[in-house]
PDB file of all heavy atoms in Angstrom:
ATOM      1  N   GLY A   1       4.013  -7.516   9.714  1.00  0.00           N
ATOM      2  CA  GLY A   1       3.512  -8.654   8.953  1.00  0.00           C
ATOM      3  C   GLY A   1       2.114  -8.455   8.409  1.00  0.00           C
ATOM      4  O   GLY A   1       1.582  -9.334   7.738  1.00  0.00           O
ATOM      5  N   THR A   2       1.538  -7.290   8.662  1.00  0.00           N
ATOM      6  CA  THR A   2       0.156  -7.066   8.242  1.00  0.00           C
ATOM      7  C   THR A   2       0.033  -6.591   6.802  1.00  0.00           C
ATOM      8  O   THR A   2      -1.047  -6.651   6.214  1.00  0.00           O
ATOM      9  CB  THR A   2      -0.507  -6.022   9.143  1.00  0.00           C
ATOM     10  OG1 THR A   2       0.276  -4.815   9.121  1.00  0.00           O
ATOM     11  CG2 THR A   2      -0.602  -6.529  10.577  1.00  0.00           C
ATOM     12  N   SER A   3       1.137  -6.099   6.241  1.00  0.00           N
ATOM     13  CA  SER A   3       1.107  -5.604   4.860  1.00  0.00           C
ATOM     14  C   SER A   3       2.120  -6.352   4.009  1.00  0.00           C
ATOM     15  O   SER A   3       3.242  -6.621   4.456  1.00  0.00           O
ATOM     16  CB  SER A   3       1.436  -4.118   4.822  1.00  0.00           C
ATOM     17  OG  SER A   3       0.523  -3.364   5.576  1.00  0.00           O
ATOM     18  N   THR A   4       1.702  -6.676   2.798  1.00  0.00           N
ATOM     19  CA  THR A   4       2.585  -7.336   1.849  1.00  0.00           C
ATOM     20  C   THR A   4       2.434  -6.680   0.481  1.00  0.00           C
ATOM     21  O   THR A   4       1.417  -6.034   0.196  1.00  0.00           O
ATOM     22  CB  THR A   4       2.299  -8.836   1.723  1.00  0.00           C
ATOM     23  OG1 THR A   4       0.924  -9.012   1.318  1.00  0.00           O
ATOM     24  CG2 THR A   4       2.525  -9.555   3.046  1.00  0.00           C
ATOM     25  N   TYR A   5       3.444  -6.892  -0.351  1.00  0.00           N
ATOM     26  CA  TYR A   5       3.388  -6.327  -1.708  1.00  0.00           C
ATOM     27  C   TYR A   5       4.199  -7.229  -2.620  1.00  0.00           C
ATOM     28  O   TYR A   5       5.238  -7.759  -2.205  1.00  0.00           O
ATOM     29  CB  TYR A   5       3.964  -4.914  -1.713  1.00  0.00           C
ATOM     30  CG  TYR A   5       3.751  -4.179  -3.013  1.00  0.00           C
ATOM     31  CD1 TYR A   5       2.526  -3.585  -3.295  1.00  0.00           C
ATOM     32  CD2 TYR A   5       4.771  -4.082  -3.962  1.00  0.00           C
ATOM     33  CE1 TYR A   5       2.325  -2.922  -4.494  1.00  0.00           C
ATOM     34  CE2 TYR A   5       4.576  -3.431  -5.156  1.00  0.00           C
ATOM     35  CZ  TYR A   5       3.354  -2.846  -5.414  1.00  0.00           C
ATOM     36  OH  TYR A   5       3.154  -2.197  -6.604  1.00  0.00           O
ATOM     37  N   TYR A   6       3.711  -7.406  -3.849  1.00  0.00           N
ATOM     38  CA  TYR A   6       4.341  -8.327  -4.791  1.00  0.00           C
ATOM     39  C   TYR A   6       4.536  -7.667  -6.156  1.00  0.00           C
ATOM     40  O   TYR A   6       3.727  -6.829  -6.577  1.00  0.00           O
ATOM     41  CB  TYR A   6       3.479  -9.570  -4.978  1.00  0.00           C
ATOM     42  CG  TYR A   6       3.197 -10.331  -3.717  1.00  0.00           C
ATOM     43  CD1 TYR A   6       2.095 -10.028  -2.930  1.00  0.00           C
ATOM     44  CD2 TYR A   6       4.044 -11.347  -3.297  1.00  0.00           C
ATOM     45  CE1 TYR A   6       1.832 -10.720  -1.752  1.00  0.00           C
ATOM     46  CE2 TYR A   6       3.792 -12.049  -2.130  1.00  0.00           C
ATOM     47  CZ  TYR A   6       2.693 -11.732  -1.364  1.00  0.00           C
ATOM     48  OH  TYR A   6       2.451 -12.422  -0.207  1.00  0.00           O
ATOM     49  N   THR A   7       5.569  -8.091  -6.837  1.00  0.00           N
ATOM     50  CA  THR A   7       5.682  -7.691  -8.227  1.00  0.00           C
ATOM     51  C   THR A   7       4.614  -8.421  -9.021  1.00  0.00           C
ATOM     52  O   THR A   7       4.170  -9.528  -8.641  1.00  0.00           O
ATOM     53  CB  THR A   7       7.082  -8.007  -8.764  1.00  0.00           C
ATOM     54  OG1 THR A   7       7.279  -7.365 -10.022  1.00  0.00           O
ATOM     55  CG2 THR A   7       7.307  -9.508  -8.916  1.00  0.00           C
ATOM     56  N   ASP A   8       4.157  -7.819 -10.103  1.00  0.00           N
ATOM     57  CA  ASP A   8       3.006  -8.354 -10.832  1.00  0.00           C
ATOM     58  C   ASP A   8       3.207  -9.793 -11.295  1.00  0.00           C
ATOM     59  O   ASP A   8       2.264 -10.595 -11.301  1.00  0.00           O
ATOM     60  CB  ASP A   8       2.699  -7.471 -12.043  1.00  0.00           C
ATOM     61  CG  ASP A   8       2.052  -6.151 -11.650  1.00  0.00           C
ATOM     62  OD1 ASP A   8       1.599  -6.042 -10.500  1.00  0.00           O
ATOM     63  OD2 ASP A   8       2.017  -5.237 -12.492  1.00  0.00           O
ATOM     64  N   SER A   9       4.412 -10.132 -11.682  1.00  0.00           N
ATOM     65  CA  SER A   9       4.648 -11.453 -12.276  1.00  0.00           C
ATOM     66  C   SER A   9       4.493 -12.606 -11.296  1.00  0.00           C
ATOM     67  O   SER A   9       4.383 -13.760 -11.715  1.00  0.00           O
ATOM     68  CB  SER A   9       6.034 -11.505 -12.914  1.00  0.00           C
ATOM     69  OG  SER A   9       7.040 -11.320 -11.934  1.00  0.00           O
ATOM     70  N   VAL A  10       4.467 -12.314  -9.989  1.00  0.00           N
ATOM     71  CA  VAL A  10       4.345 -13.401  -9.001  1.00  0.00           C
ATOM     72  C   VAL A  10       3.049 -13.335  -8.212  1.00  0.00           C
ATOM     73  O   VAL A  10       2.777 -14.225  -7.402  1.00  0.00           O
ATOM     74  CB  VAL A  10       5.548 -13.419  -8.032  1.00  0.00           C
ATOM     75  CG1 VAL A  10       6.859 -13.429  -8.796  1.00  0.00           C
ATOM     76  CG2 VAL A  10       5.501 -12.277  -7.032  1.00  0.00           C
ATOM     77  N   LYS A  11       2.247 -12.308  -8.444  1.00  0.00           N
ATOM     78  CA  LYS A  11       0.988 -12.171  -7.706  1.00  0.00           C
ATOM     79  C   LYS A  11       0.108 -13.394  -7.935  1.00  0.00           C
ATOM     80  O   LYS A  11      -0.059 -13.860  -9.055  1.00  0.00           O
ATOM     81  CB  LYS A  11       0.257 -10.908  -8.145  1.00  0.00           C
ATOM     82  CG  LYS A  11       0.846  -9.632  -7.585  1.00  0.00           C
ATOM     83  CD  LYS A  11       0.060  -8.411  -8.055  1.00  0.00           C
ATOM     84  CE  LYS A  11       0.677  -7.131  -7.493  1.00  0.00           C
ATOM     85  NZ  LYS A  11      -0.032  -5.922  -8.000  1.00  0.00           N
ATOM     86  N   GLY A  12      -0.455 -13.902  -6.856  1.00  0.00           N
ATOM     87  CA  GLY A  12      -1.305 -15.071  -6.939  1.00  0.00           C
ATOM     88  C   GLY A  12      -0.550 -16.385  -6.913  1.00  0.00           C
ATOM     89  O   GLY A  12      -1.166 -17.455  -6.771  1.00  0.00           O
ATOM     90  N   ARG A  13       0.780 -16.335  -7.033  1.00  0.00           N
ATOM     91  CA  ARG A  13       1.592 -17.562  -7.007  1.00  0.00           C
ATOM     92  C   ARG A  13       2.534 -17.602  -5.805  1.00  0.00           C
ATOM     93  O   ARG A  13       2.789 -18.670  -5.262  1.00  0.00           O
ATOM     94  CB  ARG A  13       2.407 -17.673  -8.295  1.00  0.00           C
ATOM     95  CG  ARG A  13       1.591 -17.719  -9.570  1.00  0.00           C
ATOM     96  CD  ARG A  13       2.465 -18.030 -10.780  1.00  0.00           C
ATOM     97  NE  ARG A  13       3.483 -17.015 -11.017  1.00  0.00           N
ATOM     98  CZ  ARG A  13       4.795 -17.267 -11.067  1.00  0.00           C
ATOM     99  NH1 ARG A  13       5.240 -18.492 -10.875  1.00  0.00           N
ATOM    100  NH2 ARG A  13       5.666 -16.281 -11.302  1.00  0.00           N
ATOM    101  N   PHE A  14       3.065 -16.461  -5.413  1.00  0.00           N
ATOM    102  CA  PHE A  14       4.016 -16.385  -4.304  1.00  0.00           C
ATOM    103  C   PHE A  14       3.346 -15.752  -3.092  1.00  0.00           C
ATOM    104  O   PHE A  14       2.493 -14.868  -3.224  1.00  0.00           O
ATOM    105  CB  PHE A  14       5.234 -15.544  -4.688  1.00  0.00           C
ATOM    106  CG  PHE A  14       6.150 -16.147  -5.711  1.00  0.00           C
ATOM    107  CD1 PHE A  14       5.796 -17.281  -6.432  1.00  0.00           C
ATOM    108  CD2 PHE A  14       7.379 -15.572  -5.954  1.00  0.00           C
ATOM    109  CE1 PHE A  14       6.648 -17.835  -7.387  1.00  0.00           C
ATOM    110  CE2 PHE A  14       8.253 -16.096  -6.898  1.00  0.00           C
ATOM    111  CZ  PHE A  14       7.878 -17.233  -7.614  1.00  0.00           C
ATOM    112  N   THR A  15       3.781 -16.182  -1.910  1.00  0.00           N
ATOM    113  CA  THR A  15       3.297 -15.599  -0.663  1.00  0.00           C
ATOM    114  C   THR A  15       4.472 -15.352   0.269  1.00  0.00           C
ATOM    115  O   THR A  15       5.242 -16.283   0.566  1.00  0.00           O
ATOM    116  CB  THR A  15       2.289 -16.519   0.023  1.00  0.00           C
ATOM    117  OG1 THR A  15       1.189 -16.774  -0.855  1.00  0.00           O
ATOM    118  CG2 THR A  15       1.757 -15.871   1.305  1.00  0.00           C
ATOM    119  N   ILE A  16       4.600 -14.117   0.716  1.00  0.00           N
ATOM    120  CA  ILE A  16       5.629 -13.780   1.689  1.00  0.00           C
ATOM    121  C   ILE A  16       4.994 -13.754   3.068  1.00  0.00           C
ATOM    122  O   ILE A  16       3.859 -13.308   3.236  1.00  0.00           O
ATOM    123  CB  ILE A  16       6.292 -12.422   1.359  1.00  0.00           C
ATOM    124  CG1 ILE A  16       7.481 -12.167   2.282  1.00  0.00           C
ATOM    125  CG2 ILE A  16       5.283 -11.284   1.414  1.00  0.00           C
ATOM    126  CD1 ILE A  16       8.305 -10.935   1.868  1.00  0.00           C
ATOM    127  N   SER A  17       5.728 -14.253   4.055  1.00  0.00           N
ATOM    128  CA  SER A  17       5.241 -14.241   5.430  1.00  0.00           C
ATOM    129  C   SER A  17       6.439 -14.147   6.365  1.00  0.00           C
ATOM    130  O   SER A  17       7.582 -14.302   5.930  1.00  0.00           O
ATOM    131  CB  SER A  17       4.422 -15.494   5.727  1.00  0.00           C
ATOM    132  OG  SER A  17       5.215 -16.665   5.583  1.00  0.00           O
ATOM    133  N   ARG A  18       6.160 -13.900   7.630  1.00  0.00           N
ATOM    134  CA  ARG A  18       7.251 -13.811   8.594  1.00  0.00           C
ATOM    135  C   ARG A  18       6.809 -14.351   9.931  1.00  0.00           C
ATOM    136  O   ARG A  18       5.618 -14.293  10.278  1.00  0.00           O
ATOM    137  CB  ARG A  18       7.750 -12.373   8.729  1.00  0.00           C
ATOM    138  CG  ARG A  18       6.755 -11.402   9.320  1.00  0.00           C
ATOM    139  CD  ARG A  18       7.261  -9.961   9.213  1.00  0.00           C
ATOM    140  NE  ARG A  18       8.486  -9.736   9.967  1.00  0.00           N
ATOM    141  CZ  ARG A  18       9.297  -8.709   9.770  1.00  0.00           C
ATOM    142  NH1 ARG A  18       9.039  -7.831   8.811  1.00  0.00           N
ATOM    143  NH2 ARG A  18      10.383  -8.550  10.518  1.00  0.00           N
ATOM    144  N   ASP A  19       7.771 -14.846  10.675  1.00  0.00           N
ATOM    145  CA  ASP A  19       7.549 -15.306  12.039  1.00  0.00           C
ATOM    146  C   ASP A  19       8.559 -14.555  12.898  1.00  0.00           C
ATOM    147  O   ASP A  19       9.742 -14.927  12.939  1.00  0.00           O
ATOM    148  CB  ASP A  19       7.747 -16.819  12.137  1.00  0.00           C
ATOM    149  CG  ASP A  19       7.419 -17.357  13.513  1.00  0.00           C
ATOM    150  OD1 ASP A  19       7.454 -16.585  14.501  1.00  0.00           O
ATOM    151  OD2 ASP A  19       7.121 -18.551  13.614  1.00  0.00           O
ATOM    152  N   ASN A  20       8.123 -13.501  13.528  1.00  0.00           N
ATOM    153  CA  ASN A  20       9.056 -12.661  14.292  1.00  0.00           C
ATOM    154  C   ASN A  20       9.649 -13.403  15.492  1.00  0.00           C
ATOM    155  O   ASN A  20      10.767 -13.121  15.909  1.00  0.00           O
ATOM    156  CB  ASN A  20       8.359 -11.375  14.738  1.00  0.00           C
ATOM    157  CG  ASN A  20       8.150 -10.410  13.578  1.00  0.00           C
ATOM    158  OD1 ASN A  20       8.791 -10.522  12.527  1.00  0.00           O
ATOM    159  ND2 ASN A  20       7.260  -9.446  13.767  1.00  0.00           N
ATOM    160  N   ALA A  21       8.903 -14.338  16.028  1.00  0.00           N
ATOM    161  CA  ALA A  21       9.420 -15.117  17.157  1.00  0.00           C
ATOM    162  C   ALA A  21      10.593 -16.003  16.748  1.00  0.00           C
ATOM    163  O   ALA A  21      11.468 -16.304  17.557  1.00  0.00           O
ATOM    164  CB  ALA A  21       8.311 -15.970  17.759  1.00  0.00           C
ATOM    165  N   LYS A  22      10.603 -16.403  15.475  1.00  0.00           N
ATOM    166  CA  LYS A  22      11.684 -17.235  14.952  1.00  0.00           C
ATOM    167  C   LYS A  22      12.691 -16.441  14.140  1.00  0.00           C
ATOM    168  O   LYS A  22      13.629 -17.006  13.569  1.00  0.00           O
ATOM    169  CB  LYS A  22      11.112 -18.366  14.084  1.00  0.00           C
ATOM    170  CG  LYS A  22      10.252 -19.354  14.851  1.00  0.00           C
ATOM    171  CD  LYS A  22       9.770 -20.477  13.936  1.00  0.00           C
ATOM    172  CE  LYS A  22       8.961 -21.492  14.729  1.00  0.00           C
ATOM    173  NZ  LYS A  22       8.468 -22.599  13.859  1.00  0.00           N
ATOM    174  N   SER A  23      12.488 -15.126  14.056  1.00  0.00           N
ATOM    175  CA  SER A  23      13.390 -14.252  13.286  1.00  0.00           C
ATOM    176  C   SER A  23      13.574 -14.762  11.856  1.00  0.00           C
ATOM    177  O   SER A  23      14.695 -14.811  11.316  1.00  0.00           O
ATOM    178  CB  SER A  23      14.764 -14.141  13.974  1.00  0.00           C
ATOM    179  OG  SER A  23      14.647 -13.572  15.256  1.00  0.00           O
ATOM    180  N   THR A  24      12.473 -15.130  11.238  1.00  0.00           N
ATOM    181  CA  THR A  24      12.525 -15.752   9.916  1.00  0.00           C
ATOM    182  C   THR A  24      11.442 -15.176   9.004  1.00  0.00           C
ATOM    183  O   THR A  24      10.314 -14.940   9.448  1.00  0.00           O
ATOM    184  CB  THR A  24      12.348 -17.275  10.020  1.00  0.00           C
ATOM    185  OG1 THR A  24      13.380 -17.812  10.863  1.00  0.00           O
ATOM    186  CG2 THR A  24      12.441 -17.929   8.652  1.00  0.00           C
ATOM    187  N   VAL A  25      11.823 -14.978   7.757  1.00  0.00           N
ATOM    188  CA  VAL A  25      10.872 -14.593   6.721  1.00  0.00           C
ATOM    189  C   VAL A  25      10.844 -15.707   5.681  1.00  0.00           C
ATOM    190  O   VAL A  25      11.860 -16.355   5.425  1.00  0.00           O
ATOM    191  CB  VAL A  25      11.243 -13.233   6.089  1.00  0.00           C
ATOM    192  CG1 VAL A  25      12.581 -13.278   5.383  1.00  0.00           C
ATOM    193  CG2 VAL A  25      10.147 -12.752   5.148  1.00  0.00           C
ATOM    194  N   TYR A  26       9.664 -15.923   5.102  1.00  0.00           N
ATOM    195  CA  TYR A  26       9.467 -17.024   4.165  1.00  0.00           C
ATOM    196  C   TYR A  26       8.966 -16.507   2.823  1.00  0.00           C
ATOM    197  O   TYR A  26       8.365 -15.434   2.732  1.00  0.00           O
ATOM    198  CB  TYR A  26       8.447 -18.018   4.719  1.00  0.00           C
ATOM    199  CG  TYR A  26       8.771 -18.554   6.081  1.00  0.00           C
ATOM    200  CD1 TYR A  26       8.209 -17.981   7.224  1.00  0.00           C
ATOM    201  CD2 TYR A  26       9.633 -19.629   6.250  1.00  0.00           C
ATOM    202  CE1 TYR A  26       8.497 -18.467   8.492  1.00  0.00           C
ATOM    203  CE2 TYR A  26       9.925 -20.131   7.510  1.00  0.00           C
ATOM    204  CZ  TYR A  26       9.349 -19.543   8.621  1.00  0.00           C
ATOM    205  OH  TYR A  26       9.651 -20.032   9.871  1.00  0.00           O
ATOM    206  N   LEU A  27       9.209 -17.302   1.798  1.00  0.00           N
ATOM    207  CA  LEU A  27       8.620 -17.035   0.492  1.00  0.00           C
ATOM    208  C   LEU A  27       8.108 -18.366  -0.037  1.00  0.00           C
ATOM    209  O   LEU A  27       8.901 -19.231  -0.429  1.00  0.00           O
ATOM    210  CB  LEU A  27       9.626 -16.424  -0.476  1.00  0.00           C
ATOM    211  CG  LEU A  27       9.033 -15.994  -1.818  1.00  0.00           C
ATOM    212  CD1 LEU A  27       8.069 -14.816  -1.615  1.00  0.00           C
ATOM    213  CD2 LEU A  27      10.129 -15.608  -2.815  1.00  0.00           C
ATOM    214  N   GLN A  28       6.791 -18.532  -0.004  1.00  0.00           N
ATOM    215  CA  GLN A  28       6.163 -19.728  -0.564  1.00  0.00           C
ATOM    216  C   GLN A  28       5.936 -19.478  -2.043  1.00  0.00           C
ATOM    217  O   GLN A  28       5.264 -18.517  -2.413  1.00  0.00           O
ATOM    218  CB  GLN A  28       4.835 -20.006   0.140  1.00  0.00           C
ATOM    219  CG  GLN A  28       4.079 -21.194  -0.424  1.00  0.00           C
ATOM    220  CD  GLN A  28       4.789 -22.507  -0.182  1.00  0.00           C
ATOM    221  OE1 GLN A  28       5.291 -22.760   0.906  1.00  0.00           O
ATOM    222  NE2 GLN A  28       4.836 -23.357  -1.196  1.00  0.00           N
ATOM    223  N   MET A  29       6.488 -20.346  -2.859  1.00  0.00           N
ATOM    224  CA  MET A  29       6.398 -20.175  -4.304  1.00  0.00           C
ATOM    225  C   MET A  29       5.662 -21.358  -4.911  1.00  0.00           C
ATOM    226  O   MET A  29       6.137 -22.498  -4.831  1.00  0.00           O
ATOM    227  CB  MET A  29       7.808 -20.054  -4.903  1.00  0.00           C
ATOM    228  CG  MET A  29       8.653 -18.956  -4.275  1.00  0.00           C
ATOM    229  SD  MET A  29      10.241 -18.720  -5.083  1.00  0.00           S
ATOM    230  CE  MET A  29      11.009 -20.297  -4.770  1.00  0.00           C
ATOM    231  N   ASN A  30       4.517 -21.095  -5.493  1.00  0.00           N
ATOM    232  CA  ASN A  30       3.697 -22.120  -6.128  1.00  0.00           C
ATOM    233  C   ASN A  30       3.599 -21.865  -7.622  1.00  0.00           C
ATOM    234  O   ASN A  30       3.901 -20.770  -8.096  1.00  0.00           O
ATOM    235  CB  ASN A  30       2.296 -22.128  -5.514  1.00  0.00           C
ATOM    236  CG  ASN A  30       2.309 -22.449  -4.029  1.00  0.00           C
ATOM    237  OD1 ASN A  30       3.166 -23.186  -3.537  1.00  0.00           O
ATOM    238  ND2 ASN A  30       1.352 -21.889  -3.306  1.00  0.00           N
ATOM    239  N   SER A  31       3.177 -22.868  -8.360  1.00  0.00           N
ATOM    240  CA  SER A  31       2.995 -22.748  -9.811  1.00  0.00           C
ATOM    241  C   SER A  31       4.229 -22.139 -10.463  1.00  0.00           C
ATOM    242  O   SER A  31       4.128 -21.206 -11.281  1.00  0.00           O
ATOM    243  CB  SER A  31       1.756 -21.899 -10.114  1.00  0.00           C
ATOM    244  OG  SER A  31       0.601 -22.463  -9.524  1.00  0.00           O
ATOM    245  N   LEU A  32       5.371 -22.670 -10.113  1.00  0.00           N
ATOM    246  CA  LEU A  32       6.621 -22.100 -10.603  1.00  0.00           C
ATOM    247  C   LEU A  32       6.761 -22.246 -12.108  1.00  0.00           C
ATOM    248  O   LEU A  32       6.294 -23.224 -12.699  1.00  0.00           O
ATOM    249  CB  LEU A  32       7.807 -22.756  -9.894  1.00  0.00           C
ATOM    250  CG  LEU A  32       8.048 -22.241  -8.469  1.00  0.00           C
ATOM    251  CD1 LEU A  32       8.906 -23.201  -7.672  1.00  0.00           C
ATOM    252  CD2 LEU A  32       8.697 -20.869  -8.512  1.00  0.00           C
TER     253      LEU A  32
END
């Protein structure tokens, strides 16, 4: 979870994160 990478078109708007304890990955999408 320490490294992330985004395609240029979503940089600054989308955020990927994960919670390993919950076995879940998220994608927060803003300014859609």
